[in-house]
Amino acid sequence: MKAPTLAEIRRWPAVVPVPQAAPAIGCSRSQLYELIKRGEAPVKTLSYGRRHVVVTASILALLEAA
């Protein structure tokens, strides 16, 4: 999946699935799942049972701080 632009990310809903968020922060889906599992994700995530979503505002904060 191609990395989205900041303008595209700003149009995303409040939360997005891990496979959509991963390229935005420069990693693979499996890498982000592993970081979430270890509690080391660089973005805020919410878990609903086994399902994880990423908070879009945390993606923006991470990218804008870089």
PDB file of N, CA and C in Angstrom:
ATOM      1  N   MET A   1       0.837  -1.183   0.000  1.00  0.00           N
ATOM      2  CA  MET A   1       0.000   0.000   0.000  1.00  0.00           C
ATOM      3  C   MET A   1       0.879   1.242   0.000  1.00  0.00           C
ATOM      4  N   LYS A   2       0.512   2.220  -0.817  1.00  0.00           N
ATOM      5  CA  LYS A   2       1.271   3.463  -0.946  1.00  0.00           C
ATOM      6  C   LYS A   2       1.048   4.354   0.276  1.00  0.00           C
ATOM      7  N   ALA A   3       2.099   5.033   0.692  1.00  0.00           N
ATOM      8  CA  ALA A   3       1.994   5.936   1.840  1.00  0.00           C
ATOM      9  C   ALA A   3       1.102   7.124   1.480  1.00  0.00           C
ATOM     10  N   PRO A   4       0.133   7.419   2.323  1.00  0.00           N
ATOM     11  CA  PRO A   4      -0.758   8.552   2.058  1.00  0.00           C
ATOM     12  C   PRO A   4      -0.075   9.881   2.384  1.00  0.00           C
ATOM     13  N   THR A   5      -0.590  10.945   1.808  1.00  0.00           N
ATOM     14  CA  THR A   5      -0.085  12.286   2.115  1.00  0.00           C
ATOM     15  C   THR A   5      -0.744  12.784   3.397  1.00  0.00           C
ATOM     16  N   LEU A   6      -0.178  13.828   3.987  1.00  0.00           N
ATOM     17  CA  LEU A   6      -0.795  14.429   5.170  1.00  0.00           C
ATOM     18  C   LEU A   6      -2.206  14.918   4.861  1.00  0.00           C
ATOM     19  N   ALA A   7      -2.398  15.490   3.685  1.00  0.00           N
ATOM     20  CA  ALA A   7      -3.729  15.969   3.299  1.00  0.00           C
ATOM     21  C   ALA A   7      -4.731  14.824   3.262  1.00  0.00           C
ATOM     22  N   GLU A   8      -4.308  13.677   2.767  1.00  0.00           N
ATOM     23  CA  GLU A   8      -5.197  12.511   2.730  1.00  0.00           C
ATOM     24  C   GLU A   8      -5.514  12.024   4.144  1.00  0.00           C
ATOM     25  N   ILE A   9      -4.503  11.969   4.986  1.00  0.00           N
ATOM     26  CA  ILE A   9      -4.706  11.497   6.356  1.00  0.00           C
ATOM     27  C   ILE A   9      -5.660  12.422   7.110  1.00  0.00           C
ATOM     28  N   ARG A  10      -5.555  13.709   6.873  1.00  0.00           N
ATOM     29  CA  ARG A  10      -6.456  14.666   7.543  1.00  0.00           C
ATOM     30  C   ARG A  10      -7.921  14.423   7.188  1.00  0.00           C
ATOM     31  N   ARG A  11      -8.198  13.769   6.081  1.00  0.00           N
ATOM     32  CA  ARG A  11      -9.574  13.470   5.678  1.00  0.00           C
ATOM     33  C   ARG A  11     -10.056  12.111   6.193  1.00  0.00           C
ATOM     34  N   TRP A  12      -9.197  11.365   6.849  1.00  0.00           N
ATOM     35  CA  TRP A  12      -9.569  10.058   7.375  1.00  0.00           C
ATOM     36  C   TRP A  12     -10.543  10.213   8.538  1.00  0.00           C
ATOM     37  N   PRO A  13     -11.314   9.158   8.840  1.00  0.00           N
ATOM     38  CA  PRO A  13     -12.171   9.184  10.033  1.00  0.00           C
ATOM     39  C   PRO A  13     -11.325   9.182  11.307  1.00  0.00           C
ATOM     40  N   ALA A  14     -11.967   9.289  12.454  1.00  0.00           N
ATOM     41  CA  ALA A  14     -11.268   9.386  13.746  1.00  0.00           C
ATOM     42  C   ALA A  14     -10.362   8.200  14.025  1.00  0.00           C
ATOM     43  N   VAL A  15     -10.762   7.014  13.602  1.00  0.00           N
ATOM     44  CA  VAL A  15      -9.926   5.822  13.760  1.00  0.00           C
ATOM     45  C   VAL A  15      -9.872   5.073  12.440  1.00  0.00           C
ATOM     46  N   VAL A  16      -8.749   4.400  12.208  1.00  0.00           N
ATOM     47  CA  VAL A  16      -8.576   3.629  10.975  1.00  0.00           C
ATOM     48  C   VAL A  16      -7.998   2.265  11.318  1.00  0.00           C
ATOM     49  N   PRO A  17      -8.210   1.269  10.457  1.00  0.00           N
ATOM     50  CA  PRO A  17      -7.641  -0.058  10.702  1.00  0.00           C
ATOM     51  C   PRO A  17      -6.113  -0.048  10.580  1.00  0.00           C
ATOM     52  N   VAL A  18      -5.492  -0.987  11.244  1.00  0.00           N
ATOM     53  CA  VAL A  18      -4.028  -1.101  11.236  1.00  0.00           C
ATOM     54  C   VAL A  18      -3.463  -1.171   9.815  1.00  0.00           C
ATOM     55  N   PRO A  19      -4.036  -1.972   8.901  1.00  0.00           N
ATOM     56  CA  PRO A  19      -3.454  -2.023   7.552  1.00  0.00           C
ATOM     57  C   PRO A  19      -3.460  -0.671   6.823  1.00  0.00           C
ATOM     58  N   GLN A  20      -4.395   0.202   7.153  1.00  0.00           N
ATOM     59  CA  GLN A  20      -4.430   1.531   6.551  1.00  0.00           C
ATOM     60  C   GLN A  20      -3.424   2.460   7.226  1.00  0.00           C
ATOM     61  N   ALA A  21      -3.259   2.328   8.529  1.00  0.00           N
ATOM     62  CA  ALA A  21      -2.367   3.215   9.281  1.00  0.00           C
ATOM     63  C   ALA A  21      -0.889   2.897   9.073  1.00  0.00           C
ATOM     64  N   ALA A  22      -0.555   1.640   8.906  1.00  0.00           N
ATOM     65  CA  ALA A  22       0.851   1.230   8.843  1.00  0.00           C
ATOM     66  C   ALA A  22       1.672   1.975   7.789  1.00  0.00           C
ATOM     67  N   PRO A  23       1.222   2.044   6.518  1.00  0.00           N
ATOM     68  CA  PRO A  23       2.049   2.757   5.544  1.00  0.00           C
ATOM     69  C   PRO A  23       2.174   4.251   5.850  1.00  0.00           C
ATOM     70  N   ALA A  24       1.194   4.805   6.543  1.00  0.00           N
ATOM     71  CA  ALA A  24       1.250   6.231   6.886  1.00  0.00           C
ATOM     72  C   ALA A  24       2.395   6.528   7.836  1.00  0.00           C
ATOM     73  N   ILE A  25       2.750   5.555   8.681  1.00  0.00           N
ATOM     74  CA  ILE A  25       3.853   5.782   9.625  1.00  0.00           C
ATOM     75  C   ILE A  25       5.131   5.081   9.197  1.00  0.00           C
ATOM     76  N   GLY A  26       5.115   4.505   8.007  1.00  0.00           N
ATOM     77  CA  GLY A  26       6.336   3.951   7.426  1.00  0.00           C
ATOM     78  C   GLY A  26       6.697   2.551   7.867  1.00  0.00           C
ATOM     79  N   CYS A  27       5.693   1.737   8.150  1.00  0.00           N
ATOM     80  CA  CYS A  27       5.996   0.350   8.500  1.00  0.00           C
ATOM     81  C   CYS A  27       4.976  -0.569   7.844  1.00  0.00           C
ATOM     82  N   SER A  28       5.212  -1.849   7.962  1.00  0.00           N
ATOM     83  CA  SER A  28       4.281  -2.814   7.392  1.00  0.00           C
ATOM     84  C   SER A  28       3.163  -3.096   8.394  1.00  0.00           C
ATOM     85  N   ARG A  29       2.126  -3.697   7.882  1.00  0.00           N
ATOM     86  CA  ARG A  29       0.996  -4.078   8.726  1.00  0.00           C
ATOM     87  C   ARG A  29       1.460  -5.016   9.833  1.00  0.00           C
ATOM     88  N   SER A  30       2.261  -6.012   9.472  1.00  0.00           N
ATOM     89  CA  SER A  30       2.718  -6.982  10.473  1.00  0.00           C
ATOM     90  C   SER A  30       3.629  -6.331  11.511  1.00  0.00           C
ATOM     91  N   GLN A  31       4.466  -5.386  11.089  1.00  0.00           N
ATOM     92  CA  GLN A  31       5.323  -4.679  12.042  1.00  0.00           C
ATOM     93  C   GLN A  31       4.489  -3.885  13.040  1.00  0.00           C
ATOM     94  N   LEU A  32       3.453  -3.211  12.555  1.00  0.00           N
ATOM     95  CA  LEU A  32       2.616  -2.412  13.451  1.00  0.00           C
ATOM     96  C   LEU A  32       1.851  -3.316  14.406  1.00  0.00           C
ATOM     97  N   TYR A  33       1.337  -4.449  13.917  1.00  0.00           N
ATOM     98  CA  TYR A  33       0.665  -5.390  14.818  1.00  0.00           C
ATOM     99  C   TYR A  33       1.629  -5.868  15.910  1.00  0.00           C
ATOM    100  N   GLU A  34       2.868  -6.141  15.549  1.00  0.00           N
ATOM    101  CA  GLU A  34       3.856  -6.598  16.531  1.00  0.00           C
ATOM    102  C   GLU A  34       4.144  -5.498  17.562  1.00  0.00           C
ATOM    103  N   LEU A  35       4.275  -4.254  17.103  1.00  0.00           N
ATOM    104  CA  LEU A  35       4.499  -3.140  18.028  1.00  0.00           C
ATOM    105  C   LEU A  35       3.316  -2.975  18.986  1.00  0.00           C
ATOM    106  N   ILE A  36       2.109  -3.127  18.470  1.00  0.00           N
ATOM    107  CA  ILE A  36       0.914  -3.043  19.313  1.00  0.00           C
ATOM    108  C   ILE A  36       0.936  -4.151  20.354  1.00  0.00           C
ATOM    109  N   LYS A  37       1.251  -5.348  19.917  1.00  0.00           N
ATOM    110  CA  LYS A  37       1.305  -6.512  20.815  1.00  0.00           C
ATOM    111  C   LYS A  37       2.295  -6.289  21.958  1.00  0.00           C
ATOM    112  N   ARG A  38       3.433  -5.658  21.647  1.00  0.00           N
ATOM    113  CA  ARG A  38       4.469  -5.405  22.660  1.00  0.00           C
ATOM    114  C   ARG A  38       4.217  -4.129  23.465  1.00  0.00           C
ATOM    115  N   GLY A  39       3.189  -3.370  23.093  1.00  0.00           N
ATOM    116  CA  GLY A  39       2.910  -2.111  23.785  1.00  0.00           C
ATOM    117  C   GLY A  39       3.853  -0.995  23.395  1.00  0.00           C
ATOM    118  N   GLU A  40       4.443  -1.085  22.195  1.00  0.00           N
ATOM    119  CA  GLU A  40       5.452  -0.114  21.741  1.00  0.00           C
ATOM    120  C   GLU A  40       5.026   0.671  20.504  1.00  0.00           C
ATOM    121  N   ALA A  41       3.756   0.660  20.181  1.00  0.00           N
ATOM    122  CA  ALA A  41       3.291   1.370  18.982  1.00  0.00           C
ATOM    123  C   ALA A  41       3.545   2.871  19.139  1.00  0.00           C
ATOM    124  N   PRO A  42       4.037   3.527  18.086  1.00  0.00           N
ATOM    125  CA  PRO A  42       4.308   4.960  18.164  1.00  0.00           C
ATOM    126  C   PRO A  42       3.046   5.810  18.019  1.00  0.00           C
ATOM    127  N   VAL A  43       1.917   5.157  17.883  1.00  0.00           N
ATOM    128  CA  VAL A  43       0.629   5.848  17.739  1.00  0.00           C
ATOM    129  C   VAL A  43      -0.366   5.251  18.732  1.00  0.00           C
ATOM    130  N   LYS A  44      -1.407   6.015  19.037  1.00  0.00           N
ATOM    131  CA  LYS A  44      -2.437   5.542  19.969  1.00  0.00           C
ATOM    132  C   LYS A  44      -3.342   4.541  19.269  1.00  0.00           C
ATOM    133  N   THR A  45      -3.552   3.420  19.942  1.00  0.00           N
ATOM    134  CA  THR A  45      -4.416   2.382  19.388  1.00  0.00           C
ATOM    135  C   THR A  45      -5.519   2.053  20.386  1.00  0.00           C
ATOM    136  N   LEU A  46      -6.616   1.573  19.852  1.00  0.00           N
ATOM    137  CA  LEU A  46      -7.730   1.100  20.666  1.00  0.00           C
ATOM    138  C   LEU A  46      -7.962  -0.352  20.311  1.00  0.00           C
ATOM    139  N   SER A  47      -8.234  -1.151  21.308  1.00  0.00           N
ATOM    140  CA  SER A  47      -8.455  -2.573  21.074  1.00  0.00           C
ATOM    141  C   SER A  47      -9.883  -2.940  21.437  1.00  0.00           C
ATOM    142  N   TYR A  48     -10.500  -3.687  20.564  1.00  0.00           N
ATOM    143  CA  TYR A  48     -11.844  -4.206  20.778  1.00  0.00           C
ATOM    144  C   TYR A  48     -11.744  -5.718  20.620  1.00  0.00           C
ATOM    145  N   GLY A  49     -11.500  -6.401  21.724  1.00  0.00           N
ATOM    146  CA  GLY A  49     -11.239  -7.830  21.637  1.00  0.00           C
ATOM    147  C   GLY A  49      -9.913  -8.047  20.929  1.00  0.00           C
ATOM    148  N   ARG A  50      -9.961  -8.750  19.827  1.00  0.00           N
ATOM    149  CA  ARG A  50      -8.744  -8.990  19.039  1.00  0.00           C
ATOM    150  C   ARG A  50      -8.547  -7.952  17.940  1.00  0.00           C
ATOM    151  N   ARG A  51      -9.514  -7.067  17.771  1.00  0.00           N
ATOM    152  CA  ARG A  51      -9.439  -6.051  16.710  1.00  0.00           C
ATOM    153  C   ARG A  51      -8.763  -4.794  17.249  1.00  0.00           C
ATOM    154  N   HIS A  52      -7.873  -4.223  16.443  1.00  0.00           N
ATOM    155  CA  HIS A  52      -7.175  -2.995  16.817  1.00  0.00           C
ATOM    156  C   HIS A  52      -7.441  -1.934  15.767  1.00  0.00           C
ATOM    157  N   VAL A  53      -7.597  -0.702  16.237  1.00  0.00           N
ATOM    158  CA  VAL A  53      -7.701   0.445  15.344  1.00  0.00           C
ATOM    159  C   VAL A  53      -6.719   1.506  15.826  1.00  0.00           C
ATOM    160  N   VAL A  54      -6.335   2.386  14.912  1.00  0.00           N
ATOM    161  CA  VAL A  54      -5.369   3.431  15.221  1.00  0.00           C
ATOM    162  C   VAL A  54      -6.080   4.778  15.193  1.00  0.00           C
ATOM    163  N   VAL A  55      -5.794   5.611  16.188  1.00  0.00           N
ATOM    164  CA  VAL A  55      -6.391   6.935  16.287  1.00  0.00           C
ATOM    165  C   VAL A  55      -5.697   7.852  15.269  1.00  0.00           C
ATOM    166  N   THR A  56      -6.468   8.382  14.357  1.00  0.00           N
ATOM    167  CA  THR A  56      -5.919   9.214  13.278  1.00  0.00           C
ATOM    168  C   THR A  56      -5.166  10.424  13.815  1.00  0.00           C
ATOM    169  N   ALA A  57      -5.675  11.062  14.847  1.00  0.00           N
ATOM    170  CA  ALA A  57      -5.004  12.242  15.413  1.00  0.00           C
ATOM    171  C   ALA A  57      -3.594  11.904  15.882  1.00  0.00           C
ATOM    172  N   SER A  58      -3.388  10.685  16.366  1.00  0.00           N
ATOM    173  CA  SER A  58      -2.043  10.307  16.813  1.00  0.00           C
ATOM    174  C   SER A  58      -1.095  10.101  15.634  1.00  0.00           C
ATOM    175  N   ILE A  59      -1.626   9.663  14.508  1.00  0.00           N
ATOM    176  CA  ILE A  59      -0.808   9.555  13.291  1.00  0.00           C
ATOM    177  C   ILE A  59      -0.366  10.946  12.857  1.00  0.00           C
ATOM    178  N   LEU A  60      -1.320  11.869  12.829  1.00  0.00           N
ATOM    179  CA  LEU A  60      -1.003  13.253  12.436  1.00  0.00           C
ATOM    180  C   LEU A  60       0.023  13.876  13.384  1.00  0.00           C
ATOM    181  N   ALA A  61      -0.158  13.684  14.681  1.00  0.00           N
ATOM    182  CA  ALA A  61       0.772  14.231  15.660  1.00  0.00           C
ATOM    183  C   ALA A  61       2.186  13.682  15.452  1.00  0.00           C
ATOM    184  N   LEU A  62       2.281  12.395  15.203  1.00  0.00           N
ATOM    185  CA  LEU A  62       3.579  11.768  14.964  1.00  0.00           C
ATOM    186  C   LEU A  62       4.252  12.335  13.716  1.00  0.00           C
ATOM    187  N   LEU A  63       3.500  12.437  12.641  1.00  0.00           N
ATOM    188  CA  LEU A  63       4.069  12.907  11.378  1.00  0.00           C
ATOM    189  C   LEU A  63       4.388  14.403  11.409  1.00  0.00           C
ATOM    190  N   GLU A  64       3.557  15.176  12.065  1.00  0.00           N
ATOM    191  CA  GLU A  64       3.795  16.618  12.126  1.00  0.00           C
ATOM    192  C   GLU A  64       4.948  16.971  13.048  1.00  0.00           C
ATOM    193  N   ALA A  65       5.256  16.102  14.008  1.00  0.00           N
ATOM    194  CA  ALA A  65       6.363  16.346  14.929  1.00  0.00           C
ATOM    195  C   ALA A  65       7.709  16.018  14.280  1.00  0.00           C
ATOM    196  N   ALA A  66       7.682  15.208  13.242  1.00  0.00           N
ATOM    197  CA  ALA A  66       8.927  14.773  12.595  1.00  0.00           C
ATOM    198  C   ALA A  66       9.544  15.860  11.749  1.00  0.00           C
TER     199      ALA A  66
END
